[in-house]
């Protein structure tokens, strides 16, 4: 399953993908980065749609990441 977490306060996204299989039974991939410049240029809604398409995310969660 692929999930995008969007930090609406600090404008950071975190991508988390969990795949079954592998030596330990599951693999987890993570990536995060600032989206502040993109949101300023294109808007939050457009940036979220872009990230969903790039990462093939099934779920988007808006929150404040710690």
PDB file of N, CA and C in Angstrom:
ATOM      1  N   UNK A   1       0.845  -1.173   0.000  1.00  0.00           N
ATOM      2  CA  UNK A   1       0.000   0.000   0.000  1.00  0.00           C
ATOM      3  C   UNK A   1       0.895   1.243   0.000  1.00  0.00           C
ATOM      4  N   UNK A   2       0.498   2.246  -0.712  1.00  0.00           N
ATOM      5  CA  UNK A   2       1.265   3.477  -0.801  1.00  0.00           C
ATOM      6  C   UNK A   2       0.451   4.617  -0.213  1.00  0.00           C
ATOM      7  N   UNK A   3       1.059   5.345   0.708  1.00  0.00           N
ATOM      8  CA  UNK A   3       0.386   6.445   1.391  1.00  0.00           C
ATOM      9  C   UNK A   3       1.244   7.695   1.327  1.00  0.00           C
ATOM     10  N   UNK A   4       0.612   8.828   1.080  1.00  0.00           N
ATOM     11  CA  UNK A   4       1.269  10.126   1.152  1.00  0.00           C
ATOM     12  C   UNK A   4       0.789  10.834   2.412  1.00  0.00           C
ATOM     13  N   UNK A   5       1.710  11.299   3.202  1.00  0.00           N
ATOM     14  CA  UNK A   5       1.389  12.126   4.356  1.00  0.00           C
ATOM     15  C   UNK A   5       1.787  13.549   4.005  1.00  0.00           C
ATOM     16  N   UNK A   6       0.858  14.484   4.101  1.00  0.00           N
ATOM     17  CA  UNK A   6       1.114  15.878   3.771  1.00  0.00           C
ATOM     18  C   UNK A   6       1.049  16.692   5.051  1.00  0.00           C
ATOM     19  N   UNK A   7       2.183  17.265   5.432  1.00  0.00           N
ATOM     20  CA  UNK A   7       2.252  18.130   6.603  1.00  0.00           C
ATOM     21  C   UNK A   7       1.778  19.508   6.167  1.00  0.00           C
ATOM     22  N   UNK A   8       0.582  19.877   6.577  1.00  0.00           N
ATOM     23  CA  UNK A   8      -0.008  21.131   6.133  1.00  0.00           C
ATOM     24  C   UNK A   8       0.579  22.345   6.844  1.00  0.00           C
ATOM     25  N   UNK A   9       1.251  22.137   7.951  1.00  0.00           N
ATOM     26  CA  UNK A   9       1.855  23.249   8.681  1.00  0.00           C
ATOM     27  C   UNK A   9       3.228  23.610   8.097  1.00  0.00           C
ATOM     28  N   UNK A  10       4.077  22.619   7.892  1.00  0.00           N
ATOM     29  CA  UNK A  10       5.439  22.845   7.418  1.00  0.00           C
ATOM     30  C   UNK A  10       5.620  22.577   5.933  1.00  0.00           C
ATOM     31  N   UNK A  11       4.540  22.182   5.243  1.00  0.00           N
ATOM     32  CA  UNK A  11       4.558  21.874   3.809  1.00  0.00           C
ATOM     33  C   UNK A  11       5.667  20.887   3.443  1.00  0.00           C
ATOM     34  N   UNK A  12       5.577  19.729   4.066  1.00  0.00           N
ATOM     35  CA  UNK A  12       6.481  18.614   3.810  1.00  0.00           C
ATOM     36  C   UNK A  12       5.614  17.413   3.454  1.00  0.00           C
ATOM     37  N   UNK A  13       6.085  16.601   2.514  1.00  0.00           N
ATOM     38  CA  UNK A  13       5.371  15.357   2.240  1.00  0.00           C
ATOM     39  C   UNK A  13       6.256  14.188   2.633  1.00  0.00           C
ATOM     40  N   UNK A  14       5.613  13.113   3.022  1.00  0.00           N
ATOM     41  CA  UNK A  14       6.322  11.865   3.272  1.00  0.00           C
ATOM     42  C   UNK A  14       5.574  10.773   2.539  1.00  0.00           C
ATOM     43  N   UNK A  15       6.322  10.008   1.767  1.00  0.00           N
ATOM     44  CA  UNK A  15       5.784   8.905   0.981  1.00  0.00           C
ATOM     45  C   UNK A  15       6.192   7.624   1.685  1.00  0.00           C
ATOM     46  N   UNK A  16       5.231   6.746   1.944  1.00  0.00           N
ATOM     47  CA  UNK A  16       5.510   5.470   2.588  1.00  0.00           C
ATOM     48  C   UNK A  16       4.846   4.374   1.761  1.00  0.00           C
ATOM     49  N   UNK A  17       5.662   3.431   1.303  1.00  0.00           N
ATOM     50  CA  UNK A  17       5.146   2.305   0.524  1.00  0.00           C
ATOM     51  C   UNK A  17       5.514   1.010   1.219  1.00  0.00           C
ATOM     52  N   UNK A  18       4.541   0.160   1.414  1.00  0.00           N
ATOM     53  CA  UNK A  18       4.751  -1.137   2.037  1.00  0.00           C
ATOM     54  C   UNK A  18       4.423  -2.215   0.999  1.00  0.00           C
ATOM     55  N   UNK A  19       5.360  -3.124   0.816  1.00  0.00           N
ATOM     56  CA  UNK A  19       5.179  -4.210  -0.146  1.00  0.00           C
ATOM     57  C   UNK A  19       5.375  -5.536   0.569  1.00  0.00           C
ATOM     58  N   UNK A  20       4.521  -6.473   0.292  1.00  0.00           N
ATOM     59  CA  UNK A  20       4.677  -7.822   0.855  1.00  0.00           C
ATOM     60  C   UNK A  20       5.785  -8.540   0.128  1.00  0.00           C
ATOM     61  N   UNK A  21       6.421  -9.452   0.830  1.00  0.00           N
ATOM     62  CA  UNK A  21       7.512 -10.211   0.230  1.00  0.00           C
ATOM     63  C   UNK A  21       8.840  -9.787   0.806  1.00  0.00           C
ATOM     64  N   UNK A  22       9.912 -10.213   0.184  1.00  0.00           N
ATOM     65  CA  UNK A  22      11.232  -9.883   0.703  1.00  0.00           C
ATOM     66  C   UNK A  22      11.669 -10.884   1.754  1.00  0.00           C
ATOM     67  N   UNK A  23      12.861 -10.742   2.248  1.00  0.00           N
ATOM     68  CA  UNK A  23      13.402 -11.685   3.225  1.00  0.00           C
ATOM     69  C   UNK A  23      12.717 -11.605   4.575  1.00  0.00           C
ATOM     70  N   UNK A  24      12.302 -10.423   4.973  1.00  0.00           N
ATOM     71  CA  UNK A  24      11.691 -10.244   6.294  1.00  0.00           C
ATOM     72  C   UNK A  24      10.171 -10.217   6.243  1.00  0.00           C
ATOM     73  N   UNK A  25       9.583 -10.513   5.131  1.00  0.00           N
ATOM     74  CA  UNK A  25       8.130 -10.561   5.027  1.00  0.00           C
ATOM     75  C   UNK A  25       7.499  -9.287   4.499  1.00  0.00           C
ATOM     76  N   UNK A  26       8.189  -8.164   4.623  1.00  0.00           N
ATOM     77  CA  UNK A  26       7.651  -6.901   4.118  1.00  0.00           C
ATOM     78  C   UNK A  26       8.789  -5.916   3.873  1.00  0.00           C
ATOM     79  N   UNK A  27       8.611  -5.106   2.873  1.00  0.00           N
ATOM     80  CA  UNK A  27       9.577  -4.055   2.575  1.00  0.00           C
ATOM     81  C   UNK A  27       8.874  -2.720   2.721  1.00  0.00           C
ATOM     82  N   UNK A  28       9.571  -1.744   3.291  1.00  0.00           N
ATOM     83  CA  UNK A  28       9.012  -0.406   3.447  1.00  0.00           C
ATOM     84  C   UNK A  28       9.961   0.590   2.798  1.00  0.00           C
ATOM     85  N   UNK A  29       9.406   1.404   1.925  1.00  0.00           N
ATOM     86  CA  UNK A  29      10.183   2.477   1.302  1.00  0.00           C
ATOM     87  C   UNK A  29       9.640   3.794   1.834  1.00  0.00           C
ATOM     88  N   UNK A  30      10.549   4.733   2.140  1.00  0.00           N
ATOM     89  CA  UNK A  30      10.153   6.042   2.647  1.00  0.00           C
ATOM     90  C   UNK A  30      10.918   7.116   1.898  1.00  0.00           C
ATOM     91  N   UNK A  31      10.271   8.225   1.715  1.00  0.00           N
ATOM     92  CA  UNK A  31      10.914   9.382   1.110  1.00  0.00           C
ATOM     93  C   UNK A  31      10.166  10.615   1.610  1.00  0.00           C
ATOM     94  N   UNK A  32      10.899  11.688   1.884  1.00  0.00           N
ATOM     95  CA  UNK A  32      10.240  12.924   2.282  1.00  0.00           C
ATOM     96  C   UNK A  32      11.005  14.112   1.730  1.00  0.00           C
ATOM     97  N   UNK A  33      10.280  15.206   1.557  1.00  0.00           N
ATOM     98  CA  UNK A  33      10.886  16.421   1.029  1.00  0.00           C
ATOM     99  C   UNK A  33       9.935  17.595   1.260  1.00  0.00           C
ATOM    100  N   UNK A  34      10.478  18.780   1.157  1.00  0.00           N
ATOM    101  CA  UNK A  34       9.681  19.994   1.274  1.00  0.00           C
ATOM    102  C   UNK A  34       8.917  20.225  -0.027  1.00  0.00           C
ATOM    103  N   UNK A  35       7.685  20.673   0.096  1.00  0.00           N
ATOM    104  CA  UNK A  35       6.890  21.024  -1.079  1.00  0.00           C
ATOM    105  C   UNK A  35       6.499  22.496  -1.044  1.00  0.00           C
ATOM    106  N   UNK A  36       7.146  23.281  -0.193  1.00  0.00           N
ATOM    107  CA  UNK A  36       6.775  24.685  -0.010  1.00  0.00           C
ATOM    108  C   UNK A  36       6.834  25.480  -1.313  1.00  0.00           C
ATOM    109  N   UNK A  37       7.913  25.334  -2.085  1.00  0.00           N
ATOM    110  CA  UNK A  37       8.046  26.087  -3.333  1.00  0.00           C
ATOM    111  C   UNK A  37       6.993  25.667  -4.357  1.00  0.00           C
ATOM    112  N   UNK A  38       6.737  24.384  -4.464  1.00  0.00           N
ATOM    113  CA  UNK A  38       5.742  23.885  -5.413  1.00  0.00           C
ATOM    114  C   UNK A  38       4.337  24.338  -5.044  1.00  0.00           C
ATOM    115  N   UNK A  39       4.043  24.315  -3.743  1.00  0.00           N
ATOM    116  CA  UNK A  39       2.715  24.740  -3.292  1.00  0.00           C
ATOM    117  C   UNK A  39       2.529  26.228  -3.567  1.00  0.00           C
ATOM    118  N   UNK A  40       3.568  27.006  -3.334  1.00  0.00           N
ATOM    119  CA  UNK A  40       3.486  28.447  -3.597  1.00  0.00           C
ATOM    120  C   UNK A  40       3.258  28.708  -5.086  1.00  0.00           C
ATOM    121  N   UNK A  41       3.919  27.953  -5.942  1.00  0.00           N
ATOM    122  CA  UNK A  41       3.815  28.156  -7.384  1.00  0.00           C
ATOM    123  C   UNK A  41       2.529  27.587  -7.984  1.00  0.00           C
ATOM    124  N   UNK A  42       2.115  26.391  -7.549  1.00  0.00           N
ATOM    125  CA  UNK A  42       1.010  25.693  -8.203  1.00  0.00           C
ATOM    126  C   UNK A  42      -0.222  25.478  -7.333  1.00  0.00           C
ATOM    127  N   UNK A  43      -0.115  25.696  -6.035  1.00  0.00           N
ATOM    128  CA  UNK A  43      -1.235  25.463  -5.135  1.00  0.00           C
ATOM    129  C   UNK A  43      -1.166  24.071  -4.529  1.00  0.00           C
ATOM    130  N   UNK A  44      -1.723  23.933  -3.340  1.00  0.00           N
ATOM    131  CA  UNK A  44      -1.667  22.666  -2.603  1.00  0.00           C
ATOM    132  C   UNK A  44      -2.402  21.549  -3.334  1.00  0.00           C
ATOM    133  N   UNK A  45      -3.572  21.846  -3.848  1.00  0.00           N
ATOM    134  CA  UNK A  45      -4.373  20.806  -4.512  1.00  0.00           C
ATOM    135  C   UNK A  45      -3.644  20.233  -5.735  1.00  0.00           C
ATOM    136  N   UNK A  46      -3.063  21.101  -6.560  1.00  0.00           N
ATOM    137  CA  UNK A  46      -2.329  20.630  -7.735  1.00  0.00           C
ATOM    138  C   UNK A  46      -1.095  19.830  -7.340  1.00  0.00           C
ATOM    139  N   UNK A  47      -0.394  20.270  -6.300  1.00  0.00           N
ATOM    140  CA  UNK A  47       0.806  19.546  -5.850  1.00  0.00           C
ATOM    141  C   UNK A  47       0.449  18.174  -5.306  1.00  0.00           C
ATOM    142  N   UNK A  48      -0.638  18.066  -4.565  1.00  0.00           N
ATOM    143  CA  UNK A  48      -1.076  16.769  -4.040  1.00  0.00           C
ATOM    144  C   UNK A  48      -1.436  15.834  -5.183  1.00  0.00           C
ATOM    145  N   UNK A  49      -2.148  16.315  -6.178  1.00  0.00           N
ATOM    146  CA  UNK A  49      -2.490  15.483  -7.343  1.00  0.00           C
ATOM    147  C   UNK A  49      -1.234  15.022  -8.075  1.00  0.00           C
ATOM    148  N   UNK A  50      -0.268  15.916  -8.220  1.00  0.00           N
ATOM    149  CA  UNK A  50       0.994  15.558  -8.865  1.00  0.00           C
ATOM    150  C   UNK A  50       1.710  14.460  -8.086  1.00  0.00           C
ATOM    151  N   UNK A  51       1.808  14.610  -6.772  1.00  0.00           N
ATOM    152  CA  UNK A  51       2.484  13.605  -5.942  1.00  0.00           C
ATOM    153  C   UNK A  51       1.743  12.265  -5.982  1.00  0.00           C
ATOM    154  N   UNK A  52       0.413  12.308  -5.971  1.00  0.00           N
ATOM    155  CA  UNK A  52      -0.369  11.068  -6.068  1.00  0.00           C
ATOM    156  C   UNK A  52      -0.040  10.330  -7.358  1.00  0.00           C
ATOM    157  N   UNK A  53       0.079  11.055  -8.457  1.00  0.00           N
ATOM    158  CA  UNK A  53       0.387  10.433  -9.742  1.00  0.00           C
ATOM    159  C   UNK A  53       1.813   9.903  -9.785  1.00  0.00           C
ATOM    160  N   UNK A  54       2.768  10.661  -9.274  1.00  0.00           N
ATOM    161  CA  UNK A  54       4.171  10.247  -9.304  1.00  0.00           C
ATOM    162  C   UNK A  54       4.383   8.984  -8.479  1.00  0.00           C
ATOM    163  N   UNK A  55       3.829   8.955  -7.267  1.00  0.00           N
ATOM    164  CA  UNK A  55       4.059   7.834  -6.358  1.00  0.00           C
ATOM    165  C   UNK A  55       2.971   6.772  -6.408  1.00  0.00           C
ATOM    166  N   UNK A  56       1.971   6.981  -7.252  1.00  0.00           N
ATOM    167  CA  UNK A  56       0.856   6.031  -7.375  1.00  0.00           C
ATOM    168  C   UNK A  56       0.238   5.747  -6.005  1.00  0.00           C
ATOM    169  N   UNK A  57       0.024   6.822  -5.251  1.00  0.00           N
ATOM    170  CA  UNK A  57      -0.502   6.708  -3.889  1.00  0.00           C
ATOM    171  C   UNK A  57      -1.979   6.340  -3.894  1.00  0.00           C
ATOM    172  N   UNK A  58      -2.336   5.435  -3.015  1.00  0.00           N
ATOM    173  CA  UNK A  58      -3.723   5.026  -2.856  1.00  0.00           C
ATOM    174  C   UNK A  58      -4.437   5.863  -1.818  1.00  0.00           C
ATOM    175  N   UNK A  59      -3.666   6.489  -0.922  1.00  0.00           N
ATOM    176  CA  UNK A  59      -4.244   7.218   0.189  1.00  0.00           C
ATOM    177  C   UNK A  59      -3.425   8.483   0.455  1.00  0.00           C
ATOM    178  N   UNK A  60      -4.110   9.579   0.788  1.00  0.00           N
ATOM    179  CA  UNK A  60      -3.444  10.819   1.167  1.00  0.00           C
ATOM    180  C   UNK A  60      -3.982  11.229   2.528  1.00  0.00           C
ATOM    181  N   UNK A  61      -3.052  11.489   3.447  1.00  0.00           N
ATOM    182  CA  UNK A  61      -3.428  11.888   4.804  1.00  0.00           C
ATOM    183  C   UNK A  61      -2.823  13.259   5.080  1.00  0.00           C
ATOM    184  N   UNK A  62      -3.683  14.212   5.441  1.00  0.00           N
ATOM    185  CA  UNK A  62      -3.249  15.549   5.804  1.00  0.00           C
ATOM    186  C   UNK A  62      -3.069  15.589   7.316  1.00  0.00           C
ATOM    187  N   UNK A  63      -1.878  16.012   7.773  1.00  0.00           N
ATOM    188  CA  UNK A  63      -1.583  16.000   9.197  1.00  0.00           C
ATOM    189  C   UNK A  63      -0.417  16.931   9.490  1.00  0.00           C
ATOM    190  N   UNK A  64       0.037  16.948  10.731  1.00  0.00           N
ATOM    191  CA  UNK A  64       1.261  17.627  11.116  1.00  0.00           C
ATOM    192  C   UNK A  64       2.267  16.582  11.502  1.00  0.00           C
ATOM    193  N   UNK A  65       3.313  16.425  10.689  1.00  0.00           N
ATOM    194  CA  UNK A  65       4.353  15.428  10.971  1.00  0.00           C
ATOM    195  C   UNK A  65       5.252  15.945  12.084  1.00  0.00           C
ATOM    196  N   UNK A  66       5.703  15.055  12.913  1.00  0.00           N
ATOM    197  CA  UNK A  66       6.593  15.436  14.022  1.00  0.00           C
ATOM    198  C   UNK A  66       8.016  15.165  13.639  1.00  0.00           C
TER     199      UNK A  66
END
